Amino acid sequence: MKQPARTGQKTTGGKSKREARESLNQQARDRKRDKKRSGHAAGSRANPVTTGGKQGSGSAQKKDPRIGSKKPILLGAEAAAQENIGRAKKADAPKEPKAPKVKLSPQEELAQLENDTRLDALLDRLEEGQTLSADEQAWLDQTLDRIDVLMEELGIALDDDEQDEQAEEDMYRLLKGGQ
């Protein structure tokens, strides 16, 4: 059997694809070239461009960040003499009197520590099983130690044995009364 002869194929697909690809490549090259050029102009740091935008009333122009203080610096013996004068002025100046700390009686200090909200919050966190930071733990230990010292000074003693016995008696009473 004879195969039918092929008639001319459409060649529009091959040529249009090639043209499309070349145009895309050219556009990509153009974008790359523009991207390379997007930067500050040469010498822009040495000669900054000043914009004539906003200027407040009475405000000076923006200072150049490269320029530092205009105060002269003394070198050598002059510097040492000037430094000594500065120290003398500080020593001669009267110091402001600091407010003396009011010393509290042991009862007042103990009451103040027992009513401390930070102490209560930290103890609650410990009872809940949360861990404390090192600073919080150190402060808590110091405060509890101070409370122990104050209680010893005042003659207040926490008898753990008596409290345990009292708790056991209360528990027995509840158990017997509940049956």
N, C-alpha and C. Protein backbone atom coordinates (compact mmCIF):
# COMPACT_ATOMS: atom_id res chain seq x y z
N MET A 1 0.82 -1.17 0.00
CA MET A 1 0.00 0.00 0.00
C MET A 1 0.86 1.22 0.00
N LYS A 2 0.34 2.09 -0.75
CA LYS A 2 1.09 3.33 -0.83
C LYS A 2 0.61 4.28 0.24
N GLN A 3 1.56 4.93 0.82
CA GLN A 3 1.24 5.97 1.81
C GLN A 3 0.99 7.27 1.08
N PRO A 4 0.03 8.03 1.55
CA PRO A 4 -0.20 9.31 0.89
C PRO A 4 1.02 10.20 1.08
N ALA A 5 1.33 10.91 0.08
CA ALA A 5 2.47 11.81 0.14
C ALA A 5 2.18 12.94 1.12
N ARG A 6 3.23 13.30 1.78
CA ARG A 6 3.05 14.37 2.77
C ARG A 6 2.99 15.68 2.07
N THR A 7 2.07 16.42 2.49
CA THR A 7 1.97 17.76 1.96
C THR A 7 2.76 18.68 2.87
N GLY A 8 3.01 19.89 2.49
CA GLY A 8 3.82 20.83 3.28
C GLY A 8 3.26 21.05 4.68
N GLN A 9 4.17 20.98 5.67
CA GLN A 9 3.75 21.19 7.05
C GLN A 9 3.77 22.68 7.38
N LYS A 10 3.05 22.99 8.38
CA LYS A 10 3.03 24.38 8.83
C LYS A 10 4.33 24.67 9.56
N THR A 11 5.05 25.65 9.11
CA THR A 11 6.34 25.99 9.71
C THR A 11 6.24 27.20 10.63
N THR A 12 5.07 27.66 10.90
CA THR A 12 4.93 28.85 11.75
C THR A 12 5.34 28.57 13.18
N GLY A 13 5.16 27.33 13.67
CA GLY A 13 5.46 27.01 15.05
C GLY A 13 6.93 27.12 15.36
N GLY A 14 7.82 26.65 14.55
CA GLY A 14 9.25 26.64 14.81
C GLY A 14 9.84 28.02 14.81
N LYS A 15 9.50 28.82 13.84
CA LYS A 15 10.08 30.15 13.72
C LYS A 15 9.55 31.09 14.81
N SER A 16 8.28 30.99 15.15
CA SER A 16 7.71 31.88 16.17
C SER A 16 8.26 31.54 17.55
N LYS A 17 8.53 30.25 17.79
CA LYS A 17 9.12 29.88 19.08
C LYS A 17 10.51 30.45 19.22
N ARG A 18 11.28 30.39 18.12
CA ARG A 18 12.64 30.91 18.17
C ARG A 18 12.62 32.41 18.40
N GLU A 19 11.73 33.11 17.74
CA GLU A 19 11.65 34.57 17.91
C GLU A 19 11.20 34.92 19.32
N ALA A 20 10.26 34.16 19.85
CA ALA A 20 9.78 34.42 21.22
C ALA A 20 10.91 34.21 22.22
N ARG A 21 11.70 33.12 22.02
CA ARG A 21 12.79 32.82 22.94
C ARG A 21 13.86 33.91 22.87
N GLU A 22 14.18 34.38 21.68
CA GLU A 22 15.19 35.43 21.54
C GLU A 22 14.72 36.73 22.18
N SER A 23 13.45 37.04 22.03
CA SER A 23 12.97 38.28 22.65
C SER A 23 12.99 38.16 24.18
N LEU A 24 12.65 36.97 24.70
CA LEU A 24 12.71 36.77 26.15
C LEU A 24 14.14 36.88 26.65
N ASN A 25 15.08 36.30 25.91
CA ASN A 25 16.48 36.39 26.30
C ASN A 25 16.96 37.83 26.31
N GLN A 26 16.54 38.59 25.31
CA GLN A 26 16.95 40.00 25.23
C GLN A 26 16.36 40.79 26.40
N GLN A 27 15.12 40.53 26.72
CA GLN A 27 14.50 41.22 27.86
C GLN A 27 15.23 40.88 29.16
N ALA A 28 15.63 39.63 29.31
CA ALA A 28 16.36 39.22 30.51
C ALA A 28 17.70 39.94 30.60
N ARG A 29 18.40 40.05 29.45
CA ARG A 29 19.68 40.77 29.44
C ARG A 29 19.49 42.24 29.80
N ASP A 30 18.41 42.84 29.30
CA ASP A 30 18.14 44.24 29.62
C ASP A 30 17.88 44.42 31.12
N ARG A 31 17.10 43.52 31.70
CA ARG A 31 16.83 43.60 33.14
C ARG A 31 18.11 43.46 33.94
N LYS A 32 18.98 42.54 33.51
CA LYS A 32 20.24 42.33 34.21
C LYS A 32 21.12 43.57 34.14
N ARG A 33 21.16 44.20 32.97
CA ARG A 33 21.96 45.41 32.80
C ARG A 33 21.43 46.53 33.69
N ASP A 34 20.10 46.68 33.75
CA ASP A 34 19.50 47.72 34.60
C ASP A 34 19.79 47.45 36.06
N LYS A 35 19.76 46.18 36.43
CA LYS A 35 20.01 45.82 37.82
C LYS A 35 21.44 46.16 38.22
N LYS A 36 22.38 45.93 37.32
CA LYS A 36 23.78 46.25 37.60
C LYS A 36 23.96 47.74 37.83
N ARG A 37 23.18 48.53 37.18
CA ARG A 37 23.34 49.98 37.27
C ARG A 37 22.62 50.58 38.46
N SER A 38 21.84 49.79 39.21
CA SER A 38 21.06 50.37 40.32
C SER A 38 21.92 50.42 41.57
N GLY A 39 22.57 51.51 41.78
CA GLY A 39 23.39 51.72 42.95
C GLY A 39 23.65 53.20 43.09
N HIS A 40 24.43 53.54 44.06
CA HIS A 40 24.77 54.95 44.22
C HIS A 40 25.78 55.36 43.16
N ALA A 41 25.72 56.60 42.81
CA ALA A 41 26.65 57.12 41.83
C ALA A 41 28.05 57.17 42.42
N ALA A 42 29.06 57.14 41.57
CA ALA A 42 30.44 57.19 42.04
C ALA A 42 30.69 58.50 42.77
N GLY A 43 31.32 58.42 43.94
CA GLY A 43 31.63 59.62 44.70
C GLY A 43 30.45 60.14 45.50
N SER A 44 29.39 59.36 45.63
CA SER A 44 28.20 59.85 46.32
C SER A 44 28.44 60.02 47.82
N ARG A 45 29.41 59.30 48.37
CA ARG A 45 29.70 59.44 49.79
C ARG A 45 30.44 60.75 50.06
N ALA A 46 31.35 61.07 49.18
CA ALA A 46 32.13 62.29 49.37
C ALA A 46 31.30 63.54 49.03
N ASN A 47 30.42 63.42 48.08
CA ASN A 47 29.59 64.57 47.67
C ASN A 47 28.11 64.18 47.73
N PRO A 48 27.57 64.17 48.93
CA PRO A 48 26.17 63.73 49.03
C PRO A 48 25.23 64.71 48.34
N VAL A 49 24.20 64.15 47.75
CA VAL A 49 23.21 64.98 47.07
C VAL A 49 22.23 65.47 48.13
N THR A 50 22.04 66.76 48.21
CA THR A 50 21.10 67.31 49.18
C THR A 50 19.79 67.53 48.48
N THR A 51 18.74 67.03 49.10
CA THR A 51 17.42 67.21 48.52
C THR A 51 16.81 68.46 49.11
N GLY A 52 16.15 69.22 48.31
CA GLY A 52 15.54 70.46 48.76
C GLY A 52 14.13 70.22 49.28
N GLY A 53 13.91 69.08 49.93
CA GLY A 53 12.59 68.70 50.43
C GLY A 53 12.16 69.54 51.63
N LYS A 54 11.92 68.86 52.73
CA LYS A 54 11.41 69.52 53.93
C LYS A 54 12.54 70.23 54.67
N GLN A 55 12.28 71.43 55.08
CA GLN A 55 13.19 72.15 55.96
C GLN A 55 12.34 72.86 57.00
N GLY A 56 12.56 72.48 58.26
CA GLY A 56 11.78 73.08 59.34
C GLY A 56 12.24 74.49 59.60
N SER A 57 11.38 75.23 60.24
CA SER A 57 11.74 76.62 60.54
C SER A 57 12.83 76.65 61.60
N GLY A 58 13.91 77.33 61.30
CA GLY A 58 15.01 77.48 62.26
C GLY A 58 15.91 76.26 62.36
N SER A 59 15.67 75.23 61.57
CA SER A 59 16.52 74.04 61.67
C SER A 59 17.66 74.16 60.65
N ALA A 60 18.83 73.77 61.08
CA ALA A 60 20.00 73.85 60.21
C ALA A 60 19.95 72.72 59.20
N GLN A 61 20.78 72.82 58.18
CA GLN A 61 20.84 71.76 57.19
C GLN A 61 21.38 70.50 57.85
N LYS A 62 21.13 69.37 57.22
CA LYS A 62 21.59 68.11 57.76
C LYS A 62 23.11 68.10 57.82
N LYS A 63 23.65 67.71 59.00
CA LYS A 63 25.10 67.70 59.17
C LYS A 63 25.71 66.50 58.48
N ASP A 64 26.91 66.67 58.03
CA ASP A 64 27.64 65.58 57.40
C ASP A 64 28.07 64.62 58.51
N PRO A 65 27.73 63.34 58.41
CA PRO A 65 28.06 62.41 59.49
C PRO A 65 29.55 62.16 59.64
N ARG A 66 30.34 62.53 58.66
CA ARG A 66 31.78 62.27 58.75
C ARG A 66 32.49 63.32 59.58
N ILE A 67 31.84 64.43 59.82
CA ILE A 67 32.49 65.50 60.56
C ILE A 67 32.17 65.34 62.03
N GLY A 68 33.17 65.31 62.85
CA GLY A 68 33.00 65.09 64.28
C GLY A 68 32.95 66.41 65.04
N SER A 69 33.38 66.35 66.28
CA SER A 69 33.34 67.51 67.16
C SER A 69 34.41 68.52 66.75
N LYS A 70 34.10 69.79 66.93
CA LYS A 70 35.07 70.86 66.63
C LYS A 70 35.84 71.29 67.87
N LYS A 71 35.58 70.61 69.00
CA LYS A 71 36.23 70.98 70.26
C LYS A 71 37.72 70.64 70.16
N PRO A 72 38.57 71.59 70.50
CA PRO A 72 40.01 71.30 70.42
C PRO A 72 40.42 70.29 71.50
N ILE A 73 41.38 69.46 71.16
CA ILE A 73 41.88 68.45 72.08
C ILE A 73 43.26 68.88 72.55
N LEU A 74 43.43 68.91 73.87
CA LEU A 74 44.72 69.29 74.45
C LEU A 74 45.63 68.07 74.49
N LEU A 75 46.90 68.28 74.14
CA LEU A 75 47.86 67.20 74.12
C LEU A 75 48.99 67.46 75.10
N GLY A 76 49.56 66.38 75.61
CA GLY A 76 50.74 66.50 76.45
C GLY A 76 50.46 67.06 77.83
N ALA A 77 51.36 68.00 78.28
CA ALA A 77 51.29 68.55 79.63
C ALA A 77 50.03 69.38 79.84
N GLU A 78 49.60 70.05 78.78
CA GLU A 78 48.39 70.86 78.91
C GLU A 78 47.18 69.99 79.24
N ALA A 79 47.12 68.80 78.66
CA ALA A 79 46.00 67.89 78.89
C ALA A 79 45.98 67.43 80.34
N ALA A 80 47.16 67.12 80.90
CA ALA A 80 47.23 66.65 82.28
C ALA A 80 46.82 67.76 83.24
N ALA A 81 47.25 68.99 82.97
CA ALA A 81 46.88 70.11 83.83
C ALA A 81 45.37 70.35 83.78
N GLN A 82 44.80 70.28 82.59
CA GLN A 82 43.36 70.50 82.44
C GLN A 82 42.57 69.40 83.15
N GLU A 83 43.06 68.16 83.10
CA GLU A 83 42.38 67.05 83.75
C GLU A 83 42.39 67.23 85.26
N ASN A 84 43.51 67.72 85.80
CA ASN A 84 43.60 67.95 87.25
C ASN A 84 42.65 69.05 87.68
N ILE A 85 42.47 70.07 86.86
CA ILE A 85 41.54 71.16 87.19
C ILE A 85 40.11 70.60 87.24
N GLY A 86 39.79 69.74 86.30
CA GLY A 86 38.45 69.14 86.27
C GLY A 86 38.17 68.31 87.50
N ARG A 87 39.18 67.59 87.97
CA ARG A 87 39.01 66.78 89.18
C ARG A 87 38.82 67.66 90.40
N ALA A 88 39.54 68.76 90.45
CA ALA A 88 39.43 69.66 91.60
C ALA A 88 38.03 70.26 91.66
N LYS A 89 37.47 70.61 90.51
CA LYS A 89 36.13 71.18 90.50
C LYS A 89 35.12 70.17 91.03
N LYS A 90 35.28 68.90 90.66
CA LYS A 90 34.36 67.89 91.12
C LYS A 90 34.49 67.69 92.63
N ALA A 91 35.71 67.73 93.14
CA ALA A 91 35.93 67.53 94.57
C ALA A 91 35.38 68.69 95.38
N ASP A 92 35.47 69.92 94.85
CA ASP A 92 35.00 71.10 95.58
C ASP A 92 33.48 71.21 95.59
N ALA A 93 32.84 70.62 94.62
CA ALA A 93 31.38 70.73 94.53
C ALA A 93 30.75 70.02 95.72
N PRO A 94 29.79 70.68 96.37
CA PRO A 94 29.15 70.04 97.52
C PRO A 94 28.28 68.87 97.05
N LYS A 95 28.40 67.79 97.77
CA LYS A 95 27.62 66.61 97.43
C LYS A 95 26.23 66.75 98.02
N GLU A 96 25.27 66.26 97.27
CA GLU A 96 23.90 66.30 97.76
C GLU A 96 23.76 65.26 98.87
N PRO A 97 23.15 65.66 99.97
CA PRO A 97 23.01 64.69 101.05
C PRO A 97 22.00 63.61 100.65
N LYS A 98 22.39 62.37 100.90
CA LYS A 98 21.51 61.27 100.60
C LYS A 98 20.52 61.10 101.74
N ALA A 99 19.33 60.71 101.39
CA ALA A 99 18.33 60.49 102.42
C ALA A 99 18.74 59.27 103.23
N PRO A 100 18.84 59.42 104.54
CA PRO A 100 19.25 58.28 105.36
C PRO A 100 18.17 57.20 105.32
N LYS A 101 18.62 55.96 105.30
CA LYS A 101 17.67 54.86 105.29
C LYS A 101 17.01 54.77 106.66
N VAL A 102 15.72 54.61 106.61
CA VAL A 102 14.97 54.49 107.86
C VAL A 102 15.09 53.05 108.32
N LYS A 103 15.64 52.88 109.51
CA LYS A 103 15.80 51.54 110.04
C LYS A 103 14.49 51.12 110.69
N LEU A 104 13.98 50.02 110.21
CA LEU A 104 12.72 49.52 110.73
C LEU A 104 12.96 48.59 111.90
N SER A 105 12.00 48.53 112.78
CA SER A 105 12.09 47.59 113.88
C SER A 105 11.89 46.18 113.30
N PRO A 106 12.35 45.17 114.00
CA PRO A 106 12.20 43.81 113.47
C PRO A 106 10.74 43.42 113.18
N GLN A 107 9.80 43.90 114.04
CA GLN A 107 8.39 43.58 113.80
C GLN A 107 7.91 44.22 112.50
N GLU A 108 8.28 45.48 112.29
CA GLU A 108 7.85 46.18 111.08
C GLU A 108 8.46 45.55 109.83
N GLU A 109 9.75 45.21 109.93
CA GLU A 109 10.42 44.60 108.78
C GLU A 109 9.82 43.24 108.45
N LEU A 110 9.51 42.45 109.48
CA LEU A 110 8.89 41.15 109.27
C LEU A 110 7.51 41.29 108.63
N ALA A 111 6.74 42.26 109.12
CA ALA A 111 5.41 42.49 108.55
C ALA A 111 5.52 42.92 107.08
N GLN A 112 6.50 43.76 106.81
CA GLN A 112 6.70 44.23 105.44
C GLN A 112 7.08 43.07 104.52
N LEU A 113 7.96 42.18 104.98
CA LEU A 113 8.36 41.04 104.17
C LEU A 113 7.22 40.05 103.97
N GLU A 114 6.40 39.86 105.00
CA GLU A 114 5.28 38.93 104.88
C GLU A 114 4.22 39.44 103.92
N ASN A 115 4.10 40.76 103.78
CA ASN A 115 3.10 41.34 102.89
C ASN A 115 3.66 41.64 101.50
N ASP A 116 4.89 41.20 101.23
CA ASP A 116 5.53 41.49 99.94
C ASP A 116 4.84 40.70 98.83
N THR A 117 4.37 41.40 97.80
CA THR A 117 3.64 40.75 96.71
C THR A 117 4.58 39.90 95.84
N ARG A 118 5.81 40.35 95.66
CA ARG A 118 6.76 39.58 94.85
C ARG A 118 7.06 38.25 95.51
N LEU A 119 7.22 38.27 96.83
CA LEU A 119 7.49 37.05 97.58
C LEU A 119 6.32 36.08 97.43
N ASP A 120 5.10 36.59 97.57
CA ASP A 120 3.90 35.75 97.43
C ASP A 120 3.82 35.13 96.04
N ALA A 121 4.10 35.94 95.03
CA ALA A 121 4.02 35.45 93.65
C ALA A 121 5.05 34.35 93.40
N LEU A 122 6.27 34.55 93.89
CA LEU A 122 7.31 33.54 93.68
C LEU A 122 7.00 32.25 94.44
N LEU A 123 6.46 32.38 95.65
CA LEU A 123 6.10 31.17 96.40
C LEU A 123 4.96 30.43 95.73
N ASP A 124 4.01 31.16 95.18
CA ASP A 124 2.91 30.52 94.44
C ASP A 124 3.44 29.77 93.23
N ARG A 125 4.38 30.39 92.52
CA ARG A 125 4.96 29.73 91.35
C ARG A 125 5.69 28.46 91.74
N LEU A 126 6.38 28.49 92.89
CA LEU A 126 7.09 27.29 93.35
C LEU A 126 6.10 26.18 93.71
N GLU A 127 4.98 26.54 94.35
CA GLU A 127 3.98 25.54 94.72
C GLU A 127 3.35 24.91 93.49
N GLU A 128 3.24 25.68 92.40
CA GLU A 128 2.66 25.16 91.16
C GLU A 128 3.65 24.27 90.41
N GLY A 129 4.90 24.27 90.84
CA GLY A 129 5.90 23.41 90.21
C GLY A 129 6.70 24.10 89.13
N GLN A 130 6.56 25.42 88.98
CA GLN A 130 7.32 26.14 87.98
C GLN A 130 8.74 26.36 88.47
N THR A 131 9.67 26.47 87.54
CA THR A 131 11.05 26.74 87.92
C THR A 131 11.30 28.24 87.88
N LEU A 132 12.14 28.70 88.76
CA LEU A 132 12.46 30.12 88.85
C LEU A 132 13.82 30.37 88.22
N SER A 133 14.01 31.59 87.75
CA SER A 133 15.32 31.96 87.21
C SER A 133 16.31 32.07 88.36
N ALA A 134 17.58 32.15 88.02
CA ALA A 134 18.63 32.20 89.05
C ALA A 134 18.49 33.45 89.91
N ASP A 135 18.17 34.60 89.28
CA ASP A 135 18.02 35.84 90.04
C ASP A 135 16.84 35.74 90.99
N GLU A 136 15.72 35.22 90.49
CA GLU A 136 14.53 35.11 91.34
C GLU A 136 14.78 34.15 92.49
N GLN A 137 15.45 33.03 92.20
CA GLN A 137 15.73 32.05 93.24
C GLN A 137 16.66 32.64 94.31
N ALA A 138 17.66 33.39 93.87
CA ALA A 138 18.59 34.02 94.83
C ALA A 138 17.85 35.02 95.71
N TRP A 139 16.99 35.82 95.10
CA TRP A 139 16.23 36.82 95.88
C TRP A 139 15.31 36.12 96.87
N LEU A 140 14.66 35.05 96.43
CA LEU A 140 13.75 34.31 97.30
C LEU A 140 14.50 33.71 98.48
N ASP A 141 15.64 33.11 98.23
CA ASP A 141 16.44 32.52 99.31
C ASP A 141 16.89 33.58 100.31
N GLN A 142 17.34 34.72 99.79
CA GLN A 142 17.81 35.80 100.65
C GLN A 142 16.66 36.32 101.52
N THR A 143 15.49 36.49 100.92
CA THR A 143 14.34 37.01 101.66
C THR A 143 13.89 36.02 102.72
N LEU A 144 13.83 34.74 102.37
CA LEU A 144 13.42 33.74 103.35
C LEU A 144 14.43 33.63 104.49
N ASP A 145 15.71 33.76 104.18
CA ASP A 145 16.73 33.76 105.23
C ASP A 145 16.55 34.94 106.16
N ARG A 146 16.25 36.11 105.59
CA ARG A 146 16.03 37.31 106.41
C ARG A 146 14.80 37.14 107.31
N ILE A 147 13.77 36.50 106.79
CA ILE A 147 12.57 36.26 107.61
C ILE A 147 12.91 35.33 108.77
N ASP A 148 13.72 34.30 108.51
CA ASP A 148 14.14 33.38 109.58
C ASP A 148 14.92 34.12 110.66
N VAL A 149 15.83 35.00 110.24
CA VAL A 149 16.63 35.75 111.21
C VAL A 149 15.73 36.66 112.05
N LEU A 150 14.80 37.33 111.41
CA LEU A 150 13.89 38.23 112.14
C LEU A 150 13.01 37.44 113.11
N MET A 151 12.56 36.27 112.71
CA MET A 151 11.71 35.47 113.59
C MET A 151 12.51 34.97 114.79
N GLU A 152 13.79 34.64 114.59
CA GLU A 152 14.63 34.24 115.72
C GLU A 152 14.85 35.40 116.67
N GLU A 153 15.06 36.62 116.12
CA GLU A 153 15.24 37.81 116.96
C GLU A 153 14.02 38.07 117.81
N LEU A 154 12.86 37.88 117.21
CA LEU A 154 11.62 38.16 117.92
C LEU A 154 11.17 37.01 118.80
N GLY A 155 11.83 35.88 118.71
CA GLY A 155 11.47 34.73 119.54
C GLY A 155 10.30 33.95 118.97
N ILE A 156 9.98 34.18 117.75
CA ILE A 156 8.91 33.42 117.12
C ILE A 156 9.55 32.17 116.53
N ALA A 157 9.02 31.03 116.91
CA ALA A 157 9.60 29.78 116.41
C ALA A 157 8.50 28.97 115.74
N LEU A 158 8.83 28.45 114.60
CA LEU A 158 7.90 27.56 113.92
C LEU A 158 8.26 26.15 114.34
N ASP A 159 7.38 25.55 115.13
CA ASP A 159 7.63 24.18 115.56
C ASP A 159 6.95 23.27 114.55
N ASP A 160 7.76 22.67 113.73
CA ASP A 160 7.23 21.79 112.70
C ASP A 160 6.57 20.56 113.32
N ASP A 161 7.13 20.08 114.45
CA ASP A 161 6.56 18.90 115.09
C ASP A 161 5.15 19.18 115.58
N GLU A 162 4.96 20.32 116.22
CA GLU A 162 3.64 20.67 116.74
C GLU A 162 2.66 20.86 115.59
N GLN A 163 3.10 21.46 114.51
CA GLN A 163 2.21 21.66 113.37
C GLN A 163 1.84 20.33 112.74
N ASP A 164 2.80 19.40 112.64
CA ASP A 164 2.51 18.09 112.07
C ASP A 164 1.50 17.34 112.94
N GLU A 165 1.69 17.40 114.28
CA GLU A 165 0.77 16.72 115.19
C GLU A 165 -0.62 17.34 115.08
N GLN A 166 -0.68 18.65 115.00
CA GLN A 166 -1.96 19.34 114.88
C GLN A 166 -2.65 18.94 113.58
N ALA A 167 -1.90 18.86 112.49
CA ALA A 167 -2.47 18.48 111.20
C ALA A 167 -3.00 17.04 111.25
N GLU A 168 -2.25 16.14 111.91
CA GLU A 168 -2.70 14.75 112.03
C GLU A 168 -3.98 14.66 112.84
N GLU A 169 -4.05 15.42 113.95
CA GLU A 169 -5.26 15.42 114.77
C GLU A 169 -6.45 15.94 113.98
N ASP A 170 -6.23 16.99 113.20
CA ASP A 170 -7.31 17.53 112.38
C ASP A 170 -7.77 16.51 111.36
N MET A 171 -6.85 15.76 110.80
CA MET A 171 -7.19 14.77 109.79
C MET A 171 -8.00 13.63 110.41
N TYR A 172 -7.57 13.17 111.62
CA TYR A 172 -8.31 12.10 112.30
C TYR A 172 -9.72 12.56 112.63
N ARG A 173 -9.83 13.79 113.10
CA ARG A 173 -11.13 14.35 113.46
C ARG A 173 -12.04 14.38 112.23
N LEU A 174 -11.51 14.78 111.09
CA LEU A 174 -12.31 14.84 109.86
C LEU A 174 -12.73 13.43 109.42
N LEU A 175 -11.79 12.47 109.52
CA LEU A 175 -12.12 11.13 109.12
C LEU A 175 -13.19 10.49 110.01
N LYS A 176 -13.07 10.71 111.32
CA LYS A 176 -14.05 10.15 112.25
C LYS A 176 -15.41 10.83 112.08
N GLY A 177 -15.38 12.14 111.88
CA GLY A 177 -16.64 12.88 111.73
C GLY A 177 -17.31 12.59 110.41
N GLY A 178 -16.55 12.23 109.39
CA GLY A 178 -17.11 11.97 108.07
C GLY A 178 -17.80 10.62 107.98
N GLN A 179 -17.51 9.64 108.91
CA GLN A 179 -18.11 8.30 108.81
C GLN A 179 -19.45 8.23 109.43
